[in-house]
Amino acid sequence: MKDPEAVLAALADLIATQARDAISRRGKFNLALSGGSSPKNLYRLLASEAYRHRIEWDHVYFFFGDERYVPSDPPDSNFRMARESLFEPLNIASEQIHAVDTTLSPPESARDY
């Protein structure tokens, strides 16, 4: 696929299918998040009317596979980007979000995570 929007839609469809299958089998779906502009567009798509009702969001748990070692509020924080584009629009409970604790030293943060 050469169309970026088509690629994002295909990925959102795949996530919705995998989430539905995992939730029906195990009662939950774990999703590792990444940073960057493509993931940001994907998160916005998942939170849109087209996808928000296709996933049981209260059974989805979020992890960060790509976090910068910065506080959670600066513009370059992947957590902030995910919060603004995905968590807040979908009203995701804080218990479902497993953020990296960047108040610890990097080695402590890695051990804690």
Protein backbone atom coordinates (compact mmCIF):
# COMPACT_ATOMS: atom_id res chain seq x y z
CA MET A 1 0.00 0.00 0.00
CA LYS A 2 1.34 3.39 -0.95
CA ASP A 3 -1.40 5.48 0.64
CA PRO A 4 -0.47 6.28 4.28
CA GLU A 5 -4.13 6.64 5.27
CA ALA A 6 -4.91 3.18 3.87
CA VAL A 7 -1.97 1.73 5.79
CA LEU A 8 -3.21 3.32 9.04
CA ALA A 9 -6.74 2.05 8.42
CA ALA A 10 -5.43 -1.47 7.76
CA LEU A 11 -3.41 -1.33 10.96
CA ALA A 12 -6.39 -0.01 12.95
CA ASP A 13 -8.49 -2.87 11.52
CA LEU A 14 -5.82 -5.37 12.57
CA ILE A 15 -5.65 -3.93 16.10
CA ALA A 16 -9.44 -4.03 16.41
CA THR A 17 -9.52 -7.67 15.28
CA GLN A 18 -6.65 -8.70 17.56
CA ALA A 19 -8.23 -6.85 20.51
CA ARG A 20 -11.59 -8.54 19.98
CA ASP A 21 -9.97 -11.97 19.75
CA ALA A 22 -7.73 -11.47 22.81
CA ILE A 23 -10.58 -10.09 24.92
CA SER A 24 -12.86 -12.96 23.99
CA ARG A 25 -10.14 -15.52 24.85
CA ARG A 26 -8.35 -13.93 27.81
CA GLY A 27 -10.54 -11.07 28.93
CA LYS A 28 -7.91 -8.44 28.07
CA PHE A 29 -5.73 -7.06 25.31
CA ASN A 30 -2.24 -5.67 25.89
CA LEU A 31 -1.07 -3.02 23.44
CA ALA A 32 2.52 -1.72 23.28
CA LEU A 33 2.67 1.87 22.10
CA SER A 34 5.32 3.70 20.13
CA GLY A 35 6.02 7.36 19.52
CA GLY A 36 6.21 9.43 16.37
CA SER A 37 3.87 10.98 13.84
CA SER A 38 2.58 7.73 12.31
CA PRO A 39 1.59 6.26 15.69
CA LYS A 40 0.00 9.59 16.64
CA ASN A 41 -2.18 9.42 13.53
CA LEU A 42 -3.01 5.80 14.32
CA TYR A 43 -4.01 6.67 17.89
CA ARG A 44 -6.24 9.48 16.62
CA LEU A 45 -7.85 7.07 14.17
CA LEU A 46 -8.46 4.48 16.89
CA ALA A 47 -10.10 7.18 19.03
CA SER A 48 -12.28 8.38 16.14
CA GLU A 49 -15.94 7.52 15.67
CA ALA A 50 -14.92 5.01 13.01
CA TYR A 51 -13.04 2.82 15.55
CA ARG A 52 -13.85 3.82 19.12
CA HIS A 53 -16.83 1.45 19.30
CA ARG A 54 -15.05 -1.49 17.65
CA ILE A 55 -12.83 -2.14 20.68
CA GLU A 56 -13.80 -2.79 24.30
CA TRP A 57 -11.40 -0.16 25.63
CA ASP A 58 -12.04 -1.01 29.26
CA HIS A 59 -10.29 -4.34 28.59
CA VAL A 60 -7.21 -2.85 26.90
CA TYR A 61 -3.94 -2.32 28.81
CA PHE A 62 -1.31 0.02 27.43
CA PHE A 63 2.47 -0.30 27.66
CA PHE A 64 5.24 1.82 26.19
CA GLY A 65 7.81 0.16 23.99
CA ASP A 66 9.29 3.46 22.88
CA GLU A 67 9.47 6.17 25.54
CA ARG A 68 11.89 9.03 25.79
CA TYR A 69 13.46 9.62 29.17
CA VAL A 70 11.67 12.95 29.69
CA PRO A 71 8.92 14.03 32.11
CA SER A 72 5.38 13.18 31.00
CA ASP A 73 4.35 16.74 30.03
CA PRO A 74 6.91 18.16 27.55
CA PRO A 75 5.94 18.16 23.85
CA ASP A 76 8.54 15.45 23.08
CA SER A 77 7.02 12.97 25.58
CA ASN A 78 5.50 9.92 23.89
CA PHE A 79 3.30 9.49 26.96
CA ARG A 80 1.90 12.99 26.48
CA MET A 81 1.22 12.30 22.81
CA ALA A 82 -0.59 9.04 23.64
CA ARG A 83 -2.52 10.74 26.45
CA GLU A 84 -3.72 13.55 24.22
CA SER A 85 -4.47 11.50 21.11
CA LEU A 86 -5.74 8.23 22.62
CA PHE A 87 -6.21 8.04 26.40
CA GLU A 88 -8.13 11.27 26.97
CA PRO A 89 -10.46 11.00 23.94
CA LEU A 90 -11.34 7.42 24.96
CA ASN A 91 -11.49 8.12 28.71
CA ILE A 92 -8.99 5.35 29.45
CA ALA A 93 -8.66 4.64 33.18
CA SER A 94 -5.23 5.31 34.67
CA GLU A 95 -5.09 1.69 35.93
CA GLN A 96 -4.95 0.55 32.30
CA ILE A 97 -1.95 2.72 31.44
CA HIS A 98 1.50 1.43 32.36
CA ALA A 99 3.71 4.46 31.89
CA VAL A 100 7.46 4.62 32.37
CA ASP A 101 8.32 6.42 35.61
CA THR A 102 10.84 8.99 34.44
CA THR A 103 11.13 10.51 37.92
CA LEU A 104 13.51 7.64 38.72
CA SER A 105 17.04 7.35 37.41
CA PRO A 106 17.26 5.56 34.04
CA PRO A 107 18.44 2.24 35.56
CA GLU A 108 15.80 2.42 38.31
CA SER A 109 13.16 3.34 35.77
CA ALA A 110 14.07 0.34 33.61
CA ARG A 111 13.99 -2.03 36.62
CA ASP A 112 10.67 -0.59 37.78
CA TYR A 113 9.13 -0.94 34.37
